[in-house]
Amino acid sequence: DIEGSTALWQSRPEAMRRLLPRHDELVAG
């Protein structure tokens, strides 16, 4: 579970759009 993901989506949506797919790829891999 990503800590504080809702707050990050609200305060840094562009960063989350870039980081979340990389996070998903890393965890699944």
mmCIF file of all heavy atoms, coordinates in Angstrom:
data_MODEL
# 
_entry.id   MODEL 
# 
loop_
_atom_site.group_PDB 
_atom_site.id 
_atom_site.type_symbol 
_atom_site.label_atom_id 
_atom_site.label_alt_id 
_atom_site.label_comp_id 
_atom_site.label_asym_id 
_atom_site.label_entity_id 
_atom_site.label_seq_id 
_atom_site.pdbx_PDB_ins_code 
_atom_site.Cartn_x 
_atom_site.Cartn_y 
_atom_site.Cartn_z 
_atom_site.occupancy 
_atom_site.B_iso_or_equiv 
_atom_site.pdbx_formal_charge 
_atom_site.auth_seq_id 
_atom_site.auth_comp_id 
_atom_site.auth_asym_id 
_atom_site.auth_atom_id 
_atom_site.pdbx_PDB_model_num 
ATOM 1   N N   . ASP A 1 1  ? 0.856  -1.181 0.000   1.00 0.00 ? 1  ASP A N   1 
ATOM 2   C CA  . ASP A 1 1  ? 0.000  0.000  0.000   1.00 0.00 ? 1  ASP A CA  1 
ATOM 3   C C   . ASP A 1 1  ? 0.894  1.235  0.000   1.00 0.00 ? 1  ASP A C   1 
ATOM 4   O O   . ASP A 1 1  ? 1.799  1.338  0.832   1.00 0.00 ? 1  ASP A O   1 
ATOM 5   C CB  . ASP A 1 1  ? -0.885 -0.003 1.247   1.00 0.00 ? 1  ASP A CB  1 
ATOM 6   C CG  . ASP A 1 1  ? -1.773 1.217  1.331   1.00 0.00 ? 1  ASP A CG  1 
ATOM 7   O OD1 . ASP A 1 1  ? -2.575 1.435  0.410   1.00 0.00 ? 1  ASP A OD1 1 
ATOM 8   O OD2 . ASP A 1 1  ? -1.646 1.953  2.319   1.00 0.00 ? 1  ASP A OD2 1 
ATOM 9   N N   . ILE A 1 2  ? 0.664  2.157  -0.917  1.00 0.00 ? 2  ILE A N   1 
ATOM 10  C CA  . ILE A 1 2  ? 1.434  3.395  -0.950  1.00 0.00 ? 2  ILE A CA  1 
ATOM 11  C C   . ILE A 1 2  ? 0.945  4.303  0.168   1.00 0.00 ? 2  ILE A C   1 
ATOM 12  O O   . ILE A 1 2  ? -0.247 4.621  0.246   1.00 0.00 ? 2  ILE A O   1 
ATOM 13  C CB  . ILE A 1 2  ? 1.293  4.112  -2.311  1.00 0.00 ? 2  ILE A CB  1 
ATOM 14  C CG1 . ILE A 1 2  ? 1.869  3.244  -3.428  1.00 0.00 ? 2  ILE A CG1 1 
ATOM 15  C CG2 . ILE A 1 2  ? 1.987  5.475  -2.276  1.00 0.00 ? 2  ILE A CG2 1 
ATOM 16  C CD1 . ILE A 1 2  ? 1.633  3.795  -4.830  1.00 0.00 ? 2  ILE A CD1 1 
ATOM 17  N N   . GLU A 1 3  ? 1.858  4.716  1.034   1.00 0.00 ? 3  GLU A N   1 
ATOM 18  C CA  . GLU A 1 3  ? 1.508  5.612  2.137   1.00 0.00 ? 3  GLU A CA  1 
ATOM 19  C C   . GLU A 1 3  ? 1.119  6.979  1.602   1.00 0.00 ? 3  GLU A C   1 
ATOM 20  O O   . GLU A 1 3  ? 1.824  7.551  0.777   1.00 0.00 ? 3  GLU A O   1 
ATOM 21  C CB  . GLU A 1 3  ? 2.695  5.781  3.085   1.00 0.00 ? 3  GLU A CB  1 
ATOM 22  C CG  . GLU A 1 3  ? 3.035  4.545  3.857   1.00 0.00 ? 3  GLU A CG  1 
ATOM 23  C CD  . GLU A 1 3  ? 4.172  4.783  4.830   1.00 0.00 ? 3  GLU A CD  1 
ATOM 24  O OE1 . GLU A 1 3  ? 4.437  5.944  5.206   1.00 0.00 ? 3  GLU A OE1 1 
ATOM 25  O OE2 . GLU A 1 3  ? 4.801  3.795  5.219   1.00 0.00 ? 3  GLU A OE2 1 
ATOM 26  N N   . GLY A 1 4  ? -0.002 7.496  2.063   1.00 0.00 ? 4  GLY A N   1 
ATOM 27  C CA  . GLY A 1 4  ? -0.427 8.844  1.715   1.00 0.00 ? 4  GLY A CA  1 
ATOM 28  C C   . GLY A 1 4  ? -0.734 9.049  0.239   1.00 0.00 ? 4  GLY A C   1 
ATOM 29  O O   . GLY A 1 4  ? -0.615 10.160 -0.274  1.00 0.00 ? 4  GLY A O   1 
ATOM 30  N N   . SER A 1 5  ? -1.180 8.003  -0.434  1.00 0.00 ? 5  SER A N   1 
ATOM 31  C CA  . SER A 1 5  ? -1.406 8.124  -1.878  1.00 0.00 ? 5  SER A CA  1 
ATOM 32  C C   . SER A 1 5  ? -2.495 9.144  -2.224  1.00 0.00 ? 5  SER A C   1 
ATOM 33  O O   . SER A 1 5  ? -2.367 9.877  -3.206  1.00 0.00 ? 5  SER A O   1 
ATOM 34  C CB  . SER A 1 5  ? -1.746 6.770  -2.497  1.00 0.00 ? 5  SER A CB  1 
ATOM 35  O OG  . SER A 1 5  ? -2.946 6.252  -1.954  1.00 0.00 ? 5  SER A OG  1 
ATOM 36  N N   . THR A 1 6  ? -3.537 9.227  -1.418  1.00 0.00 ? 6  THR A N   1 
ATOM 37  C CA  . THR A 1 6  ? -4.599 10.200 -1.702  1.00 0.00 ? 6  THR A CA  1 
ATOM 38  C C   . THR A 1 6  ? -4.052 11.621 -1.619  1.00 0.00 ? 6  THR A C   1 
ATOM 39  O O   . THR A 1 6  ? -4.308 12.448 -2.505  1.00 0.00 ? 6  THR A O   1 
ATOM 40  C CB  . THR A 1 6  ? -5.776 10.015 -0.732  1.00 0.00 ? 6  THR A CB  1 
ATOM 41  O OG1 . THR A 1 6  ? -6.280 8.679  -0.869  1.00 0.00 ? 6  THR A OG1 1 
ATOM 42  C CG2 . THR A 1 6  ? -6.883 11.012 -1.017  1.00 0.00 ? 6  THR A CG2 1 
ATOM 43  N N   . ALA A 1 7  ? -3.276 11.896 -0.586  1.00 0.00 ? 7  ALA A N   1 
ATOM 44  C CA  . ALA A 1 7  ? -2.678 13.232 -0.451  1.00 0.00 ? 7  ALA A CA  1 
ATOM 45  C C   . ALA A 1 7  ? -1.717 13.517 -1.597  1.00 0.00 ? 7  ALA A C   1 
ATOM 46  O O   . ALA A 1 7  ? -1.670 14.647 -2.110  1.00 0.00 ? 7  ALA A O   1 
ATOM 47  C CB  . ALA A 1 7  ? -1.959 13.352 0.893   1.00 0.00 ? 7  ALA A CB  1 
ATOM 48  N N   . LEU A 1 8  ? -0.945 12.523 -2.015  1.00 0.00 ? 8  LEU A N   1 
ATOM 49  C CA  . LEU A 1 8  ? -0.033 12.722 -3.156  1.00 0.00 ? 8  LEU A CA  1 
ATOM 50  C C   . LEU A 1 8  ? -0.810 12.992 -4.441  1.00 0.00 ? 8  LEU A C   1 
ATOM 51  O O   . LEU A 1 8  ? -0.408 13.839 -5.242  1.00 0.00 ? 8  LEU A O   1 
ATOM 52  C CB  . LEU A 1 8  ? 0.883  11.514 -3.327  1.00 0.00 ? 8  LEU A CB  1 
ATOM 53  C CG  . LEU A 1 8  ? 2.047  11.418 -2.360  1.00 0.00 ? 8  LEU A CG  1 
ATOM 54  C CD1 . LEU A 1 8  ? 2.739  10.063 -2.480  1.00 0.00 ? 8  LEU A CD1 1 
ATOM 55  C CD2 . LEU A 1 8  ? 3.032  12.547 -2.605  1.00 0.00 ? 8  LEU A CD2 1 
ATOM 56  N N   . TRP A 1 9  ? -1.899 12.278 -4.650  1.00 0.00 ? 9  TRP A N   1 
ATOM 57  C CA  . TRP A 1 9  ? -2.716 12.532 -5.848  1.00 0.00 ? 9  TRP A CA  1 
ATOM 58  C C   . TRP A 1 9  ? -3.267 13.959 -5.827  1.00 0.00 ? 9  TRP A C   1 
ATOM 59  O O   . TRP A 1 9  ? -3.376 14.594 -6.866  1.00 0.00 ? 9  TRP A O   1 
ATOM 60  C CB  . TRP A 1 9  ? -3.869 11.531 -5.961  1.00 0.00 ? 9  TRP A CB  1 
ATOM 61  C CG  . TRP A 1 9  ? -3.483 10.256 -6.639  1.00 0.00 ? 9  TRP A CG  1 
ATOM 62  C CD1 . TRP A 1 9  ? -3.385 9.022  -6.081  1.00 0.00 ? 9  TRP A CD1 1 
ATOM 63  C CD2 . TRP A 1 9  ? -3.132 10.086 -8.016  1.00 0.00 ? 9  TRP A CD2 1 
ATOM 64  N NE1 . TRP A 1 9  ? -2.998 8.098  -7.019  1.00 0.00 ? 9  TRP A NE1 1 
ATOM 65  C CE2 . TRP A 1 9  ? -2.847 8.719  -8.212  1.00 0.00 ? 9  TRP A CE2 1 
ATOM 66  C CE3 . TRP A 1 9  ? -3.039 10.956 -9.102  1.00 0.00 ? 9  TRP A CE3 1 
ATOM 67  C CZ2 . TRP A 1 9  ? -2.466 8.202  -9.454  1.00 0.00 ? 9  TRP A CZ2 1 
ATOM 68  C CZ3 . TRP A 1 9  ? -2.654 10.435 -10.338 1.00 0.00 ? 9  TRP A CZ3 1 
ATOM 69  C CH2 . TRP A 1 9  ? -2.376 9.083  -10.509 1.00 0.00 ? 9  TRP A CH2 1 
ATOM 70  N N   . GLN A 1 10 ? -3.613 14.446 -4.650  1.00 0.00 ? 10 GLN A N   1 
ATOM 71  C CA  . GLN A 1 10 ? -4.161 15.800 -4.554  1.00 0.00 ? 10 GLN A CA  1 
ATOM 72  C C   . GLN A 1 10 ? -3.089 16.870 -4.698  1.00 0.00 ? 10 GLN A C   1 
ATOM 73  O O   . GLN A 1 10 ? -3.316 17.889 -5.340  1.00 0.00 ? 10 GLN A O   1 
ATOM 74  C CB  . GLN A 1 10 ? -4.902 15.966 -3.224  1.00 0.00 ? 10 GLN A CB  1 
ATOM 75  C CG  . GLN A 1 10 ? -6.155 15.136 -3.158  1.00 0.00 ? 10 GLN A CG  1 
ATOM 76  C CD  . GLN A 1 10 ? -6.786 15.112 -1.775  1.00 0.00 ? 10 GLN A CD  1 
ATOM 77  O OE1 . GLN A 1 10 ? -6.156 15.420 -0.773  1.00 0.00 ? 10 GLN A OE1 1 
ATOM 78  N NE2 . GLN A 1 10 ? -8.054 14.727 -1.728  1.00 0.00 ? 10 GLN A NE2 1 
ATOM 79  N N   . SER A 1 11 ? -1.933 16.644 -4.091  1.00 0.00 ? 11 SER A N   1 
ATOM 80  C CA  . SER A 1 11 ? -0.895 17.682 -4.091  1.00 0.00 ? 11 SER A CA  1 
ATOM 81  C C   . SER A 1 11 ? 0.097  17.555 -5.240  1.00 0.00 ? 11 SER A C   1 
ATOM 82  O O   . SER A 1 11 ? 0.676  18.558 -5.663  1.00 0.00 ? 11 SER A O   1 
ATOM 83  C CB  . SER A 1 11 ? -0.135 17.669 -2.763  1.00 0.00 ? 11 SER A CB  1 
ATOM 84  O OG  . SER A 1 11 ? 0.596  16.465 -2.625  1.00 0.00 ? 11 SER A OG  1 
ATOM 85  N N   . ARG A 1 12 ? 0.318  16.359 -5.749  1.00 0.00 ? 12 ARG A N   1 
ATOM 86  C CA  . ARG A 1 12 ? 1.329  16.130 -6.786  1.00 0.00 ? 12 ARG A CA  1 
ATOM 87  C C   . ARG A 1 12 ? 0.800  15.179 -7.864  1.00 0.00 ? 12 ARG A C   1 
ATOM 88  O O   . ARG A 1 12 ? 1.383  14.122 -8.112  1.00 0.00 ? 12 ARG A O   1 
ATOM 89  C CB  . ARG A 1 12 ? 2.586  15.528 -6.157  1.00 0.00 ? 12 ARG A CB  1 
ATOM 90  C CG  . ARG A 1 12 ? 3.159  16.295 -4.970  1.00 0.00 ? 12 ARG A CG  1 
ATOM 91  C CD  . ARG A 1 12 ? 3.542  17.733 -5.285  1.00 0.00 ? 12 ARG A CD  1 
ATOM 92  N NE  . ARG A 1 12 ? 4.745  17.865 -6.054  1.00 0.00 ? 12 ARG A NE  1 
ATOM 93  C CZ  . ARG A 1 12 ? 5.969  17.868 -5.567  1.00 0.00 ? 12 ARG A CZ  1 
ATOM 94  N NH1 . ARG A 1 12 ? 6.168  17.745 -4.279  1.00 0.00 ? 12 ARG A NH1 1 
ATOM 95  N NH2 . ARG A 1 12 ? 6.991  18.013 -6.372  1.00 0.00 ? 12 ARG A NH2 1 
ATOM 96  N N   . PRO A 1 13 ? -0.309 15.528 -8.520  1.00 0.00 ? 13 PRO A N   1 
ATOM 97  C CA  . PRO A 1 13 ? -0.918 14.581 -9.465  1.00 0.00 ? 13 PRO A CA  1 
ATOM 98  C C   . PRO A 1 13 ? -0.012 14.208 -10.642 1.00 0.00 ? 13 PRO A C   1 
ATOM 99  O O   . PRO A 1 13 ? -0.016 13.049 -11.081 1.00 0.00 ? 13 PRO A O   1 
ATOM 100 C CB  . PRO A 1 13 ? -2.180 15.306 -9.941  1.00 0.00 ? 13 PRO A CB  1 
ATOM 101 C CG  . PRO A 1 13 ? -1.942 16.748 -9.658  1.00 0.00 ? 13 PRO A CG  1 
ATOM 102 C CD  . PRO A 1 13 ? -1.061 16.782 -8.444  1.00 0.00 ? 13 PRO A CD  1 
ATOM 103 N N   . GLU A 1 14 ? 0.764  15.144 -11.152 1.00 0.00 ? 14 GLU A N   1 
ATOM 104 C CA  . GLU A 1 14 ? 1.635  14.806 -12.282 1.00 0.00 ? 14 GLU A CA  1 
ATOM 105 C C   . GLU A 1 14 ? 2.730  13.839 -11.869 1.00 0.00 ? 14 GLU A C   1 
ATOM 106 O O   . GLU A 1 14 ? 3.056  12.907 -12.614 1.00 0.00 ? 14 GLU A O   1 
ATOM 107 C CB  . GLU A 1 14 ? 2.239  16.079 -12.892 1.00 0.00 ? 14 GLU A CB  1 
ATOM 108 C CG  . GLU A 1 14 ? 1.221  16.928 -13.642 1.00 0.00 ? 14 GLU A CG  1 
ATOM 109 C CD  . GLU A 1 14 ? 0.465  16.138 -14.714 1.00 0.00 ? 14 GLU A CD  1 
ATOM 110 O OE1 . GLU A 1 14 ? 1.108  15.369 -15.478 1.00 0.00 ? 14 GLU A OE1 1 
ATOM 111 O OE2 . GLU A 1 14 ? -0.765 16.268 -14.772 1.00 0.00 ? 14 GLU A OE2 1 
ATOM 112 N N   . ALA A 1 15 ? 3.293  14.048 -10.688 1.00 0.00 ? 15 ALA A N   1 
ATOM 113 C CA  . ALA A 1 15 ? 4.314  13.121 -10.189 1.00 0.00 ? 15 ALA A CA  1 
ATOM 114 C C   . ALA A 1 15 ? 3.714  11.730 -10.005 1.00 0.00 ? 15 ALA A C   1 
ATOM 115 O O   . ALA A 1 15 ? 4.342  10.723 -10.359 1.00 0.00 ? 15 ALA A O   1 
ATOM 116 C CB  . ALA A 1 15 ? 4.901  13.631 -8.877  1.00 0.00 ? 15 ALA A CB  1 
ATOM 117 N N   . MET A 1 16 ? 2.501  11.643 -9.476  1.00 0.00 ? 16 MET A N   1 
ATOM 118 C CA  . MET A 1 16 ? 1.855  10.340 -9.295  1.00 0.00 ? 16 MET A CA  1 
ATOM 119 C C   . MET A 1 16 ? 1.570  9.676  -10.634 1.00 0.00 ? 16 MET A C   1 
ATOM 120 O O   . MET A 1 16 ? 1.731  8.463  -10.765 1.00 0.00 ? 16 MET A O   1 
ATOM 121 C CB  . MET A 1 16 ? 0.565  10.492 -8.486  1.00 0.00 ? 16 MET A CB  1 
ATOM 122 C CG  . MET A 1 16 ? 0.796  10.698 -7.009  1.00 0.00 ? 16 MET A CG  1 
ATOM 123 S SD  . MET A 1 16 ? 1.593  9.275  -6.217  1.00 0.00 ? 16 MET A SD  1 
ATOM 124 C CE  . MET A 1 16 ? 0.213  8.140  -6.108  1.00 0.00 ? 16 MET A CE  1 
ATOM 125 N N   . ARG A 1 17 ? 1.167  10.451 -11.626 1.00 0.00 ? 17 ARG A N   1 
ATOM 126 C CA  . ARG A 1 17 ? 0.911  9.869  -12.954 1.00 0.00 ? 17 ARG A CA  1 
ATOM 127 C C   . ARG A 1 17 ? 2.179  9.247  -13.535 1.00 0.00 ? 17 ARG A C   1 
ATOM 128 O O   . ARG A 1 17 ? 2.120  8.256  -14.252 1.00 0.00 ? 17 ARG A O   1 
ATOM 129 C CB  . ARG A 1 17 ? 0.370  10.931 -13.903 1.00 0.00 ? 17 ARG A CB  1 
ATOM 130 C CG  . ARG A 1 17 ? -1.077 11.209 -13.719 1.00 0.00 ? 17 ARG A CG  1 
ATOM 131 C CD  . ARG A 1 17 ? -1.650 12.145 -14.791 1.00 0.00 ? 17 ARG A CD  1 
ATOM 132 N NE  . ARG A 1 17 ? -2.976 12.531 -14.396 1.00 0.00 ? 17 ARG A NE  1 
ATOM 133 C CZ  . ARG A 1 17 ? -3.269 13.620 -13.687 1.00 0.00 ? 17 ARG A CZ  1 
ATOM 134 N NH1 . ARG A 1 17 ? -2.310 14.445 -13.301 1.00 0.00 ? 17 ARG A NH1 1 
ATOM 135 N NH2 . ARG A 1 17 ? -4.507 13.884 -13.345 1.00 0.00 ? 17 ARG A NH2 1 
ATOM 136 N N   . ARG A 1 18 ? 3.316  9.836  -13.226 1.00 0.00 ? 18 ARG A N   1 
ATOM 137 C CA  . ARG A 1 18 ? 4.579  9.297  -13.735 1.00 0.00 ? 18 ARG A CA  1 
ATOM 138 C C   . ARG A 1 18 ? 5.098  8.149  -12.856 1.00 0.00 ? 18 ARG A C   1 
ATOM 139 O O   . ARG A 1 18 ? 5.667  7.192  -13.365 1.00 0.00 ? 18 ARG A O   1 
ATOM 140 C CB  . ARG A 1 18 ? 5.629  10.401 -13.806 1.00 0.00 ? 18 ARG A CB  1 
ATOM 141 C CG  . ARG A 1 18 ? 5.367  11.399 -14.921 1.00 0.00 ? 18 ARG A CG  1 
ATOM 142 C CD  . ARG A 1 18 ? 6.520  12.364 -15.107 1.00 0.00 ? 18 ARG A CD  1 
ATOM 143 N NE  . ARG A 1 18 ? 6.774  13.193 -13.941 1.00 0.00 ? 18 ARG A NE  1 
ATOM 144 C CZ  . ARG A 1 18 ? 6.177  14.357 -13.684 1.00 0.00 ? 18 ARG A CZ  1 
ATOM 145 N NH1 . ARG A 1 18 ? 5.283  14.830 -14.523 1.00 0.00 ? 18 ARG A NH1 1 
ATOM 146 N NH2 . ARG A 1 18 ? 6.472  15.043 -12.595 1.00 0.00 ? 18 ARG A NH2 1 
ATOM 147 N N   . LEU A 1 19 ? 4.923  8.267  -11.535 1.00 0.00 ? 19 LEU A N   1 
ATOM 148 C CA  . LEU A 1 19 ? 5.488  7.268  -10.627 1.00 0.00 ? 19 LEU A CA  1 
ATOM 149 C C   . LEU A 1 19 ? 4.669  5.988  -10.501 1.00 0.00 ? 19 LEU A C   1 
ATOM 150 O O   . LEU A 1 19 ? 5.238  4.899  -10.352 1.00 0.00 ? 19 LEU A O   1 
ATOM 151 C CB  . LEU A 1 19 ? 5.653  7.870  -9.225  1.00 0.00 ? 19 LEU A CB  1 
ATOM 152 C CG  . LEU A 1 19 ? 6.807  8.828  -9.035  1.00 0.00 ? 19 LEU A CG  1 
ATOM 153 C CD1 . LEU A 1 19 ? 6.740  9.465  -7.647  1.00 0.00 ? 19 LEU A CD1 1 
ATOM 154 C CD2 . LEU A 1 19 ? 8.130  8.117  -9.221  1.00 0.00 ? 19 LEU A CD2 1 
ATOM 155 N N   . LEU A 1 20 ? 3.355  6.086  -10.547 1.00 0.00 ? 20 LEU A N   1 
ATOM 156 C CA  . LEU A 1 20 ? 2.531  4.909  -10.296 1.00 0.00 ? 20 LEU A CA  1 
ATOM 157 C C   . LEU A 1 20 ? 2.790  3.774  -11.290 1.00 0.00 ? 20 LEU A C   1 
ATOM 158 O O   . LEU A 1 20 ? 2.954  2.624  -10.875 1.00 0.00 ? 20 LEU A O   1 
ATOM 159 C CB  . LEU A 1 20 ? 1.049  5.274  -10.237 1.00 0.00 ? 20 LEU A CB  1 
ATOM 160 C CG  . LEU A 1 20 ? 0.154  4.207  -9.628  1.00 0.00 ? 20 LEU A CG  1 
ATOM 161 C CD1 . LEU A 1 20 ? 0.580  3.848  -8.207  1.00 0.00 ? 20 LEU A CD1 1 
ATOM 162 C CD2 . LEU A 1 20 ? -1.290 4.645  -9.644  1.00 0.00 ? 20 LEU A CD2 1 
ATOM 163 N N   . PRO A 1 21 ? 2.886  4.043  -12.598 1.00 0.00 ? 21 PRO A N   1 
ATOM 164 C CA  . PRO A 1 21 ? 3.199  2.931  -13.510 1.00 0.00 ? 21 PRO A CA  1 
ATOM 165 C C   . PRO A 1 21 ? 4.575  2.316  -13.242 1.00 0.00 ? 21 PRO A C   1 
ATOM 166 O O   . PRO A 1 21 ? 4.744  1.096  -13.355 1.00 0.00 ? 21 PRO A O   1 
ATOM 167 C CB  . PRO A 1 21 ? 3.156  3.575  -14.896 1.00 0.00 ? 21 PRO A CB  1 
ATOM 168 C CG  . PRO A 1 21 ? 2.323  4.796  -14.734 1.00 0.00 ? 21 PRO A CG  1 
ATOM 169 C CD  . PRO A 1 21 ? 2.576  5.271  -13.329 1.00 0.00 ? 21 PRO A CD  1 
ATOM 170 N N   . ARG A 1 22 ? 5.537  3.128  -12.845 1.00 0.00 ? 22 ARG A N   1 
ATOM 171 C CA  . ARG A 1 22 ? 6.865  2.608  -12.523 1.00 0.00 ? 22 ARG A CA  1 
ATOM 172 C C   . ARG A 1 22 ? 6.813  1.764  -11.250 1.00 0.00 ? 22 ARG A C   1 
ATOM 173 O O   . ARG A 1 22 ? 7.452  0.716  -11.154 1.00 0.00 ? 22 ARG A O   1 
ATOM 174 C CB  . ARG A 1 22 ? 7.857  3.766  -12.395 1.00 0.00 ? 22 ARG A CB  1 
ATOM 175 C CG  . ARG A 1 22 ? 8.081  4.459  -13.747 1.00 0.00 ? 22 ARG A CG  1 
ATOM 176 C CD  . ARG A 1 22 ? 8.802  5.779  -13.646 1.00 0.00 ? 22 ARG A CD  1 
ATOM 177 N NE  . ARG A 1 22 ? 10.096 5.671  -12.998 1.00 0.00 ? 22 ARG A NE  1 
ATOM 178 C CZ  . ARG A 1 22 ? 10.728 6.694  -12.429 1.00 0.00 ? 22 ARG A CZ  1 
ATOM 179 N NH1 . ARG A 1 22 ? 10.188 7.899  -12.434 1.00 0.00 ? 22 ARG A NH1 1 
ATOM 180 N NH2 . ARG A 1 22 ? 11.890 6.525  -11.861 1.00 0.00 ? 22 ARG A NH2 1 
ATOM 181 N N   . HIS A 1 23 ? 6.045  2.229  -10.262 1.00 0.00 ? 23 HIS A N   1 
ATOM 182 C CA  . HIS A 1 23 ? 5.817  1.462  -9.030  1.00 0.00 ? 23 HIS A CA  1 
ATOM 183 C C   . HIS A 1 23 ? 5.187  0.118  -9.365  1.00 0.00 ? 23 HIS A C   1 
ATOM 184 O O   . HIS A 1 23 ? 5.632  -0.939 -8.913  1.00 0.00 ? 23 HIS A O   1 
ATOM 185 C CB  . HIS A 1 23 ? 4.908  2.276  -8.092  1.00 0.00 ? 23 HIS A CB  1 
ATOM 186 C CG  . HIS A 1 23 ? 4.192  1.469  -7.066  1.00 0.00 ? 23 HIS A CG  1 
ATOM 187 N ND1 . HIS A 1 23 ? 2.969  0.861  -7.328  1.00 0.00 ? 23 HIS A ND1 1 
ATOM 188 C CD2 . HIS A 1 23 ? 4.496  1.167  -5.787  1.00 0.00 ? 23 HIS A CD2 1 
ATOM 189 C CE1 . HIS A 1 23 ? 2.572  0.218  -6.245  1.00 0.00 ? 23 HIS A CE1 1 
ATOM 190 N NE2 . HIS A 1 23 ? 3.472  0.393  -5.294  1.00 0.00 ? 23 HIS A NE2 1 
ATOM 191 N N   . ASP A 1 24 ? 4.130  0.145  -10.171 1.00 0.00 ? 24 ASP A N   1 
ATOM 192 C CA  . ASP A 1 24 ? 3.417  -1.086 -10.522 1.00 0.00 ? 24 ASP A CA  1 
ATOM 193 C C   . ASP A 1 24 ? 4.338  -2.083 -11.223 1.00 0.00 ? 24 ASP A C   1 
ATOM 194 O O   . ASP A 1 24 ? 4.314  -3.278 -10.924 1.00 0.00 ? 24 ASP A O   1 
ATOM 195 C CB  . ASP A 1 24 ? 2.222  -0.773 -11.418 1.00 0.00 ? 24 ASP A CB  1 
ATOM 196 C CG  . ASP A 1 24 ? 1.139  0.019  -10.714 1.00 0.00 ? 24 ASP A CG  1 
ATOM 197 O OD1 . ASP A 1 24 ? 1.217  0.212  -9.476  1.00 0.00 ? 24 ASP A OD1 1 
ATOM 198 O OD2 . ASP A 1 24 ? 0.211  0.470  -11.412 1.00 0.00 ? 24 ASP A OD2 1 
ATOM 199 N N   . GLU A 1 25 ? 5.139  -1.587 -12.157 1.00 0.00 ? 25 GLU A N   1 
ATOM 200 C CA  . GLU A 1 25 ? 6.062  -2.451 -12.892 1.00 0.00 ? 25 GLU A CA  1 
ATOM 201 C C   . GLU A 1 25 ? 7.102  -3.059 -11.946 1.00 0.00 ? 25 GLU A C   1 
ATOM 202 O O   . GLU A 1 25 ? 7.416  -4.247 -12.026 1.00 0.00 ? 25 GLU A O   1 
ATOM 203 C CB  . GLU A 1 25 ? 6.756  -1.639 -13.984 1.00 0.00 ? 25 GLU A CB  1 
ATOM 204 C CG  . GLU A 1 25 ? 7.669  -2.448 -14.860 1.00 0.00 ? 25 GLU A CG  1 
ATOM 205 C CD  . GLU A 1 25 ? 8.284  -1.587 -15.950 1.00 0.00 ? 25 GLU A CD  1 
ATOM 206 O OE1 . GLU A 1 25 ? 7.563  -0.787 -16.570 1.00 0.00 ? 25 GLU A OE1 1 
ATOM 207 O OE2 . GLU A 1 25 ? 9.507  -1.727 -16.160 1.00 0.00 ? 25 GLU A OE2 1 
ATOM 208 N N   . LEU A 1 26 ? 7.625  -2.247 -11.040 1.00 0.00 ? 26 LEU A N   1 
ATOM 209 C CA  . LEU A 1 26 ? 8.633  -2.727 -10.098 1.00 0.00 ? 26 LEU A CA  1 
ATOM 210 C C   . LEU A 1 26 ? 8.054  -3.816 -9.193  1.00 0.00 ? 26 LEU A C   1 
ATOM 211 O O   . LEU A 1 26 ? 8.645  -4.890 -9.043  1.00 0.00 ? 26 LEU A O   1 
ATOM 212 C CB  . LEU A 1 26 ? 9.160  -1.561 -9.257  1.00 0.00 ? 26 LEU A CB  1 
ATOM 213 C CG  . LEU A 1 26 ? 10.258 -1.930 -8.273  1.00 0.00 ? 26 LEU A CG  1 
ATOM 214 C CD1 . LEU A 1 26 ? 11.334 -0.856 -8.268  1.00 0.00 ? 26 LEU A CD1 1 
ATOM 215 C CD2 . LEU A 1 26 ? 9.716  -2.123 -6.882  1.00 0.00 ? 26 LEU A CD2 1 
ATOM 216 N N   . VAL A 1 27 ? 6.905  -3.549 -8.581  1.00 0.00 ? 27 VAL A N   1 
ATOM 217 C CA  . VAL A 1 27 ? 6.311  -4.526 -7.662  1.00 0.00 ? 27 VAL A CA  1 
ATOM 218 C C   . VAL A 1 27 ? 5.970  -5.818 -8.401  1.00 0.00 ? 27 VAL A C   1 
ATOM 219 O O   . VAL A 1 27 ? 6.342  -6.914 -7.957  1.00 0.00 ? 27 VAL A O   1 
ATOM 220 C CB  . VAL A 1 27 ? 5.070  -3.952 -6.945  1.00 0.00 ? 27 VAL A CB  1 
ATOM 221 C CG1 . VAL A 1 27 ? 4.373  -5.034 -6.117  1.00 0.00 ? 27 VAL A CG1 1 
ATOM 222 C CG2 . VAL A 1 27 ? 5.461  -2.780 -6.053  1.00 0.00 ? 27 VAL A CG2 1 
ATOM 223 N N   . ALA A 1 28 ? 5.286  -5.726 -9.528  1.00 0.00 ? 28 ALA A N   1 
ATOM 224 C CA  . ALA A 1 28 ? 4.910  -6.926 -10.274 1.00 0.00 ? 28 ALA A CA  1 
ATOM 225 C C   . ALA A 1 28 ? 6.147  -7.706 -10.717 1.00 0.00 ? 28 ALA A C   1 
ATOM 226 O O   . ALA A 1 28 ? 6.159  -8.947 -10.654 1.00 0.00 ? 28 ALA A O   1 
ATOM 227 C CB  . ALA A 1 28 ? 4.051  -6.548 -11.479 1.00 0.00 ? 28 ALA A CB  1 
ATOM 228 N N   . GLY A 1 29 ? 7.180  -7.009 -11.132 1.00 0.00 ? 29 GLY A N   1 
ATOM 229 C CA  . GLY A 1 29 ? 8.410  -7.667 -11.567 1.00 0.00 ? 29 GLY A CA  1 
ATOM 230 C C   . GLY A 1 29 ? 9.106  -8.404 -10.438 1.00 0.00 ? 29 GLY A C   1 
ATOM 231 O O   . GLY A 1 29 ? 9.582  -9.535 -10.610 1.00 0.00 ? 29 GLY A O   1 
# 
